[in-house]
């Protein structure tokens, strides 16, 4: 992925998990897009990542499965 449009398309390809309300899902997607924006602009993402659905963590991986932020940024991974 080389553009924010590509990243948004990637993020939007995930379905909202069961038990996640629409508001929480939109917040998770917005956060994932912020992570991608930093990555694409070669800026560090300095906020702590604390989301609890596996889909969020998949959103912030390259198509090859590599995280775009260091795992040390994750407060909790479940």
PDB file of N, CA and C in Angstrom:
ATOM      1  N   UNK A   1       0.838  -1.176   0.000  1.00  0.00           N
ATOM      2  CA  UNK A   1       0.000   0.000   0.000  1.00  0.00           C
ATOM      3  C   UNK A   1       0.879   1.233   0.000  1.00  0.00           C
ATOM      4  N   UNK A   2       0.585   2.100  -0.927  1.00  0.00           N
ATOM      5  CA  UNK A   2       1.421   3.292  -1.066  1.00  0.00           C
ATOM      6  C   UNK A   2       0.672   4.589  -0.852  1.00  0.00           C
ATOM      7  N   UNK A   3      -0.646   4.538  -0.749  1.00  0.00           N
ATOM      8  CA  UNK A   3      -1.426   5.760  -0.578  1.00  0.00           C
ATOM      9  C   UNK A   3      -2.440   5.580   0.547  1.00  0.00           C
ATOM     10  N   UNK A   4      -2.924   6.702   1.038  1.00  0.00           N
ATOM     11  CA  UNK A   4      -3.951   6.663   2.069  1.00  0.00           C
ATOM     12  C   UNK A   4      -5.247   6.057   1.517  1.00  0.00           C
ATOM     13  N   UNK A   5      -5.506   6.271   0.238  1.00  0.00           N
ATOM     14  CA  UNK A   5      -6.679   5.664  -0.396  1.00  0.00           C
ATOM     15  C   UNK A   5      -6.579   4.144  -0.373  1.00  0.00           C
ATOM     16  N   UNK A   6      -5.389   3.614  -0.671  1.00  0.00           N
ATOM     17  CA  UNK A   6      -5.168   2.163  -0.593  1.00  0.00           C
ATOM     18  C   UNK A   6      -5.382   1.667   0.839  1.00  0.00           C
ATOM     19  N   UNK A   7      -4.852   2.423   1.806  1.00  0.00           N
ATOM     20  CA  UNK A   7      -4.983   2.027   3.211  1.00  0.00           C
ATOM     21  C   UNK A   7      -6.449   2.033   3.632  1.00  0.00           C
ATOM     22  N   UNK A   8      -7.191   3.045   3.224  1.00  0.00           N
ATOM     23  CA  UNK A   8      -8.621   3.115   3.565  1.00  0.00           C
ATOM     24  C   UNK A   8      -9.368   1.941   2.950  1.00  0.00           C
ATOM     25  N   UNK A   9      -9.054   1.605   1.730  1.00  0.00           N
ATOM     26  CA  UNK A   9      -9.694   0.457   1.070  1.00  0.00           C
ATOM     27  C   UNK A   9      -9.387  -0.828   1.852  1.00  0.00           C
ATOM     28  N   UNK A  10      -8.141  -0.962   2.297  1.00  0.00           N
ATOM     29  CA  UNK A  10      -7.732  -2.125   3.104  1.00  0.00           C
ATOM     30  C   UNK A  10      -8.537  -2.167   4.405  1.00  0.00           C
ATOM     31  N   UNK A  11      -8.608  -1.049   5.090  1.00  0.00           N
ATOM     32  CA  UNK A  11      -9.324  -0.965   6.367  1.00  0.00           C
ATOM     33  C   UNK A  11     -10.805  -1.266   6.171  1.00  0.00           C
ATOM     34  N   UNK A  12     -11.388  -0.706   5.125  1.00  0.00           N
ATOM     35  CA  UNK A  12     -12.816  -0.904   4.864  1.00  0.00           C
ATOM     36  C   UNK A  12     -13.148  -2.325   4.419  1.00  0.00           C
ATOM     37  N   UNK A  13     -12.137  -3.118   4.103  1.00  0.00           N
ATOM     38  CA  UNK A  13     -12.390  -4.497   3.672  1.00  0.00           C
ATOM     39  C   UNK A  13     -12.744  -5.412   4.843  1.00  0.00           C
ATOM     40  N   UNK A  14     -12.553  -4.943   6.073  1.00  0.00           N
ATOM     41  CA  UNK A  14     -12.844  -5.750   7.250  1.00  0.00           C
ATOM     42  C   UNK A  14     -14.279  -5.519   7.707  1.00  0.00           C
ATOM     43  N   UNK A  15     -14.932  -6.585   8.104  1.00  0.00           N
ATOM     44  CA  UNK A  15     -16.297  -6.502   8.626  1.00  0.00           C
ATOM     45  C   UNK A  15     -16.271  -6.216  10.116  1.00  0.00           C
ATOM     46  N   UNK A  16     -17.265  -5.467  10.563  1.00  0.00           N
ATOM     47  CA  UNK A  16     -17.387  -5.165  11.995  1.00  0.00           C
ATOM     48  C   UNK A  16     -17.618  -6.467  12.752  1.00  0.00           C
ATOM     49  N   UNK A  17     -16.795  -6.712  13.783  1.00  0.00           N
ATOM     50  CA  UNK A  17     -16.941  -7.959  14.543  1.00  0.00           C
ATOM     51  C   UNK A  17     -18.230  -7.974  15.371  1.00  0.00           C
ATOM     52  N   UNK A  18     -18.719  -9.155  15.598  1.00  0.00           N
ATOM     53  CA  UNK A  18     -19.888  -9.339  16.449  1.00  0.00           C
ATOM     54  C   UNK A  18     -19.589  -8.759  17.824  1.00  0.00           C
ATOM     55  N   UNK A  19     -20.526  -7.994  18.351  1.00  0.00           N
ATOM     56  CA  UNK A  19     -20.358  -7.412  19.675  1.00  0.00           C
ATOM     57  C   UNK A  19     -19.757  -6.018  19.658  1.00  0.00           C
ATOM     58  N   UNK A  20     -19.250  -5.580  18.519  1.00  0.00           N
ATOM     59  CA  UNK A  20     -18.710  -4.224  18.390  1.00  0.00           C
ATOM     60  C   UNK A  20     -19.815  -3.332  17.859  1.00  0.00           C
ATOM     61  N   UNK A  21     -20.153  -2.271  18.603  1.00  0.00           N
ATOM     62  CA  UNK A  21     -21.177  -1.378  18.091  1.00  0.00           C
ATOM     63  C   UNK A  21     -20.583  -0.488  16.994  1.00  0.00           C
ATOM     64  N   UNK A  22     -21.446   0.160  16.270  1.00  0.00           N
ATOM     65  CA  UNK A  22     -21.016   0.957  15.120  1.00  0.00           C
ATOM     66  C   UNK A  22     -20.049   2.055  15.525  1.00  0.00           C
ATOM     67  N   UNK A  23     -20.314   2.721  16.639  1.00  0.00           N
ATOM     68  CA  UNK A  23     -19.439   3.806  17.090  1.00  0.00           C
ATOM     69  C   UNK A  23     -18.032   3.276  17.372  1.00  0.00           C
ATOM     70  N   UNK A  24     -17.929   2.208  18.135  1.00  0.00           N
ATOM     71  CA  UNK A  24     -16.617   1.638  18.480  1.00  0.00           C
ATOM     72  C   UNK A  24     -15.885   1.194  17.218  1.00  0.00           C
ATOM     73  N   UNK A  25     -16.595   0.617  16.268  1.00  0.00           N
ATOM     74  CA  UNK A  25     -15.986   0.163  15.031  1.00  0.00           C
ATOM     75  C   UNK A  25     -15.441   1.338  14.231  1.00  0.00           C
ATOM     76  N   UNK A  26     -16.212   2.415  14.157  1.00  0.00           N
ATOM     77  CA  UNK A  26     -15.752   3.597  13.421  1.00  0.00           C
ATOM     78  C   UNK A  26     -14.532   4.228  14.075  1.00  0.00           C
ATOM     79  N   UNK A  27     -14.480   4.215  15.403  1.00  0.00           N
ATOM     80  CA  UNK A  27     -13.302   4.730  16.113  1.00  0.00           C
ATOM     81  C   UNK A  27     -12.084   3.863  15.804  1.00  0.00           C
ATOM     82  N   UNK A  28     -12.259   2.554  15.808  1.00  0.00           N
ATOM     83  CA  UNK A  28     -11.149   1.644  15.504  1.00  0.00           C
ATOM     84  C   UNK A  28     -10.644   1.873  14.079  1.00  0.00           C
ATOM     85  N   UNK A  29     -11.561   2.034  13.135  1.00  0.00           N
ATOM     86  CA  UNK A  29     -11.166   2.266  11.744  1.00  0.00           C
ATOM     87  C   UNK A  29     -10.460   3.610  11.587  1.00  0.00           C
ATOM     88  N   UNK A  30     -10.934   4.615  12.296  1.00  0.00           N
ATOM     89  CA  UNK A  30     -10.286   5.935  12.241  1.00  0.00           C
ATOM     90  C   UNK A  30      -8.870   5.853  12.797  1.00  0.00           C
ATOM     91  N   UNK A  31      -8.700   5.133  13.896  1.00  0.00           N
ATOM     92  CA  UNK A  31      -7.374   4.969  14.493  1.00  0.00           C
ATOM     93  C   UNK A  31      -6.451   4.220  13.540  1.00  0.00           C
ATOM     94  N   UNK A  32      -6.954   3.176  12.904  1.00  0.00           N
ATOM     95  CA  UNK A  32      -6.145   2.418  11.951  1.00  0.00           C
ATOM     96  C   UNK A  32      -5.700   3.313  10.794  1.00  0.00           C
ATOM     97  N   UNK A  33      -6.576   4.184  10.334  1.00  0.00           N
ATOM     98  CA  UNK A  33      -6.217   5.086   9.246  1.00  0.00           C
ATOM     99  C   UNK A  33      -5.152   6.083   9.697  1.00  0.00           C
ATOM    100  N   UNK A  34      -5.229   6.548  10.940  1.00  0.00           N
ATOM    101  CA  UNK A  34      -4.190   7.434  11.485  1.00  0.00           C
ATOM    102  C   UNK A  34      -2.841   6.719  11.532  1.00  0.00           C
ATOM    103  N   UNK A  35      -2.855   5.452  11.918  1.00  0.00           N
ATOM    104  CA  UNK A  35      -1.622   4.668  11.962  1.00  0.00           C
ATOM    105  C   UNK A  35      -1.028   4.584  10.561  1.00  0.00           C
ATOM    106  N   UNK A  36      -1.863   4.273   9.571  1.00  0.00           N
ATOM    107  CA  UNK A  36      -1.391   4.194   8.191  1.00  0.00           C
ATOM    108  C   UNK A  36      -0.885   5.535   7.688  1.00  0.00           C
ATOM    109  N   UNK A  37      -1.554   6.623   8.051  1.00  0.00           N
ATOM    110  CA  UNK A  37      -1.116   7.943   7.606  1.00  0.00           C
ATOM    111  C   UNK A  37       0.292   8.240   8.114  1.00  0.00           C
ATOM    112  N   UNK A  38       0.548   7.946   9.373  1.00  0.00           N
ATOM    113  CA  UNK A  38       1.891   8.136   9.925  1.00  0.00           C
ATOM    114  C   UNK A  38       2.899   7.260   9.191  1.00  0.00           C
ATOM    115  N   UNK A  39       2.555   6.018   8.985  1.00  0.00           N
ATOM    116  CA  UNK A  39       3.450   5.078   8.308  1.00  0.00           C
ATOM    117  C   UNK A  39       3.792   5.563   6.899  1.00  0.00           C
ATOM    118  N   UNK A  40       2.790   5.961   6.151  1.00  0.00           N
ATOM    119  CA  UNK A  40       3.009   6.397   4.770  1.00  0.00           C
ATOM    120  C   UNK A  40       3.800   7.698   4.683  1.00  0.00           C
ATOM    121  N   UNK A  41       3.663   8.538   5.714  1.00  0.00           N
ATOM    122  CA  UNK A  41       4.402   9.804   5.753  1.00  0.00           C
ATOM    123  C   UNK A  41       5.722   9.694   6.509  1.00  0.00           C
ATOM    124  N   UNK A  42       6.080   8.455   6.856  1.00  0.00           N
ATOM    125  CA  UNK A  42       7.346   8.162   7.550  1.00  0.00           C
ATOM    126  C   UNK A  42       7.495   8.950   8.855  1.00  0.00           C
ATOM    127  N   UNK A  43       6.372   9.040   9.577  1.00  0.00           N
ATOM    128  CA  UNK A  43       6.351   9.666  10.899  1.00  0.00           C
ATOM    129  C   UNK A  43       6.042   8.594  11.924  1.00  0.00           C
ATOM    130  N   UNK A  44       6.627   8.686  13.098  1.00  0.00           N
ATOM    131  CA  UNK A  44       6.306   7.693  14.131  1.00  0.00           C
ATOM    132  C   UNK A  44       4.881   7.898  14.647  1.00  0.00           C
ATOM    133  N   UNK A  45       4.239   6.814  14.953  1.00  0.00           N
ATOM    134  CA  UNK A  45       2.924   6.874  15.602  1.00  0.00           C
ATOM    135  C   UNK A  45       3.192   6.799  17.087  1.00  0.00           C
ATOM    136  N   UNK A  46       2.905   7.860  17.808  1.00  0.00           N
ATOM    137  CA  UNK A  46       3.344   7.959  19.200  1.00  0.00           C
ATOM    138  C   UNK A  46       2.273   7.607  20.224  1.00  0.00           C
ATOM    139  N   UNK A  47       1.054   7.426  19.786  1.00  0.00           N
ATOM    140  CA  UNK A  47      -0.013   7.079  20.730  1.00  0.00           C
ATOM    141  C   UNK A  47       0.038   5.586  21.044  1.00  0.00           C
ATOM    142  N   UNK A  48      -0.441   5.242  22.226  1.00  0.00           N
ATOM    143  CA  UNK A  48      -0.540   3.836  22.597  1.00  0.00           C
ATOM    144  C   UNK A  48      -1.741   3.217  21.884  1.00  0.00           C
ATOM    145  N   UNK A  49      -1.589   1.990  21.441  1.00  0.00           N
ATOM    146  CA  UNK A  49      -2.658   1.291  20.742  1.00  0.00           C
ATOM    147  C   UNK A  49      -3.319   0.333  21.719  1.00  0.00           C
ATOM    148  N   UNK A  50      -4.617   0.516  21.930  1.00  0.00           N
ATOM    149  CA  UNK A  50      -5.338  -0.269  22.912  1.00  0.00           C
ATOM    150  C   UNK A  50      -6.719  -0.636  22.376  1.00  0.00           C
ATOM    151  N   UNK A  51      -6.766  -1.520  21.421  1.00  0.00           N
ATOM    152  CA  UNK A  51      -8.031  -2.004  20.873  1.00  0.00           C
ATOM    153  C   UNK A  51      -8.097  -3.502  21.062  1.00  0.00           C
ATOM    154  N   UNK A  52      -9.288  -4.024  21.171  1.00  0.00           N
ATOM    155  CA  UNK A  52      -9.428  -5.402  21.605  1.00  0.00           C
ATOM    156  C   UNK A  52     -10.042  -6.342  20.581  1.00  0.00           C
ATOM    157  N   UNK A  53     -10.097  -5.944  19.340  1.00  0.00           N
ATOM    158  CA  UNK A  53     -10.589  -6.892  18.341  1.00  0.00           C
ATOM    159  C   UNK A  53      -9.453  -7.225  17.387  1.00  0.00           C
ATOM    160  N   UNK A  54      -9.414  -8.475  16.977  1.00  0.00           N
ATOM    161  CA  UNK A  54      -8.323  -8.928  16.105  1.00  0.00           C
ATOM    162  C   UNK A  54      -8.343  -8.198  14.773  1.00  0.00           C
ATOM    163  N   UNK A  55      -9.520  -7.770  14.322  1.00  0.00           N
ATOM    164  CA  UNK A  55      -9.630  -7.074  13.043  1.00  0.00           C
ATOM    165  C   UNK A  55      -8.834  -5.780  13.036  1.00  0.00           C
ATOM    166  N   UNK A  56      -8.824  -5.069  14.155  1.00  0.00           N
ATOM    167  CA  UNK A  56      -8.048  -3.828  14.217  1.00  0.00           C
ATOM    168  C   UNK A  56      -6.574  -4.112  13.969  1.00  0.00           C
ATOM    169  N   UNK A  57      -6.058  -5.125  14.617  1.00  0.00           N
ATOM    170  CA  UNK A  57      -4.639  -5.454  14.459  1.00  0.00           C
ATOM    171  C   UNK A  57      -4.327  -5.928  13.045  1.00  0.00           C
ATOM    172  N   UNK A  58      -5.298  -6.557  12.392  1.00  0.00           N
ATOM    173  CA  UNK A  58      -5.112  -6.965  11.009  1.00  0.00           C
ATOM    174  C   UNK A  58      -5.109  -5.738  10.086  1.00  0.00           C
ATOM    175  N   UNK A  59      -5.865  -4.716  10.455  1.00  0.00           N
ATOM    176  CA  UNK A  59      -5.917  -3.483   9.658  1.00  0.00           C
ATOM    177  C   UNK A  59      -4.572  -2.772   9.609  1.00  0.00           C
ATOM    178  N   UNK A  60      -3.777  -2.929  10.654  1.00  0.00           N
ATOM    179  CA  UNK A  60      -2.506  -2.210  10.715  1.00  0.00           C
ATOM    180  C   UNK A  60      -1.330  -3.112  10.360  1.00  0.00           C
ATOM    181  N   UNK A  61      -1.609  -4.073   9.490  1.00  0.00           N
ATOM    182  CA  UNK A  61      -0.577  -4.942   8.935  1.00  0.00           C
ATOM    183  C   UNK A  61      -0.529  -4.752   7.427  1.00  0.00           C
ATOM    184  N   UNK A  62       0.651  -4.946   6.888  1.00  0.00           N
ATOM    185  CA  UNK A  62       0.789  -4.938   5.433  1.00  0.00           C
ATOM    186  C   UNK A  62       0.101  -6.182   4.882  1.00  0.00           C
ATOM    187  N   UNK A  63      -0.152  -6.235   3.583  1.00  0.00           N
ATOM    188  CA  UNK A  63      -0.727  -7.447   3.004  1.00  0.00           C
ATOM    189  C   UNK A  63       0.130  -8.693   3.264  1.00  0.00           C
ATOM    190  N   UNK A  64       1.415  -8.490   3.528  1.00  0.00           N
ATOM    191  CA  UNK A  64       2.321  -9.613   3.839  1.00  0.00           C
ATOM    192  C   UNK A  64       2.261 -10.018   5.308  1.00  0.00           C
ATOM    193  N   UNK A  65       1.474  -9.302   6.124  1.00  0.00           N
ATOM    194  CA  UNK A  65       1.317  -9.661   7.529  1.00  0.00           C
ATOM    195  C   UNK A  65       2.268  -8.976   8.484  1.00  0.00           C
ATOM    196  N   UNK A  66       3.007  -7.980   8.031  1.00  0.00           N
ATOM    197  CA  UNK A  66       3.939  -7.240   8.892  1.00  0.00           C
ATOM    198  C   UNK A  66       3.238  -6.034   9.514  1.00  0.00           C
ATOM    199  N   UNK A  67       3.374  -5.879  10.829  1.00  0.00           N
ATOM    200  CA  UNK A  67       2.795  -4.702  11.488  1.00  0.00           C
ATOM    201  C   UNK A  67       3.520  -3.447  11.015  1.00  0.00           C
ATOM    202  N   UNK A  68       2.776  -2.349  10.887  1.00  0.00           N
ATOM    203  CA  UNK A  68       3.373  -1.095  10.423  1.00  0.00           C
ATOM    204  C   UNK A  68       3.815  -0.215  11.586  1.00  0.00           C
ATOM    205  N   UNK A  69       3.585  -0.665  12.796  1.00  0.00           N
ATOM    206  CA  UNK A  69       4.090  -0.007  14.010  1.00  0.00           C
ATOM    207  C   UNK A  69       4.748  -1.085  14.864  1.00  0.00           C
ATOM    208  N   UNK A  70       5.680  -0.700  15.722  1.00  0.00           N
ATOM    209  CA  UNK A  70       6.303  -1.713  16.581  1.00  0.00           C
ATOM    210  C   UNK A  70       5.272  -2.325  17.543  1.00  0.00           C
ATOM    211  N   UNK A  71       5.390  -3.610  17.776  1.00  0.00           N
ATOM    212  CA  UNK A  71       4.470  -4.279  18.702  1.00  0.00           C
ATOM    213  C   UNK A  71       4.536  -3.670  20.095  1.00  0.00           C
ATOM    214  N   UNK A  72       5.621  -2.992  20.419  1.00  0.00           N
ATOM    215  CA  UNK A  72       5.729  -2.342  21.728  1.00  0.00           C
ATOM    216  C   UNK A  72       4.723  -1.208  21.876  1.00  0.00           C
ATOM    217  N   UNK A  73       4.106  -0.771  20.768  1.00  0.00           N
ATOM    218  CA  UNK A  73       3.065   0.253  20.820  1.00  0.00           C
ATOM    219  C   UNK A  73       1.744  -0.310  21.332  1.00  0.00           C
ATOM    220  N   UNK A  74       1.607  -1.638  21.315  1.00  0.00           N
ATOM    221  CA  UNK A  74       0.349  -2.260  21.720  1.00  0.00           C
ATOM    222  C   UNK A  74       0.282  -2.369  23.218  1.00  0.00           C
ATOM    223  N   UNK A  75      -0.765  -1.821  23.779  1.00  0.00           N
ATOM    224  CA  UNK A  75      -0.966  -1.972  25.215  1.00  0.00           C
ATOM    225  C   UNK A  75      -1.476  -3.368  25.510  1.00  0.00           C
ATOM    226  N   UNK A  76      -2.384  -3.858  24.676  1.00  0.00           N
ATOM    227  CA  UNK A  76      -2.955  -5.192  24.828  1.00  0.00           C
ATOM    228  C   UNK A  76      -3.231  -5.749  23.452  1.00  0.00           C
ATOM    229  N   UNK A  77      -2.891  -6.999  23.235  1.00  0.00           N
ATOM    230  CA  UNK A  77      -3.193  -7.650  21.963  1.00  0.00           C
ATOM    231  C   UNK A  77      -3.947  -8.940  22.279  1.00  0.00           C
ATOM    232  N   UNK A  78      -5.185  -9.003  21.788  1.00  0.00           N
ATOM    233  CA  UNK A  78      -5.961 -10.222  22.060  1.00  0.00           C
ATOM    234  C   UNK A  78      -6.556 -10.759  20.795  1.00  0.00           C
TER     235      UNK A  78
END
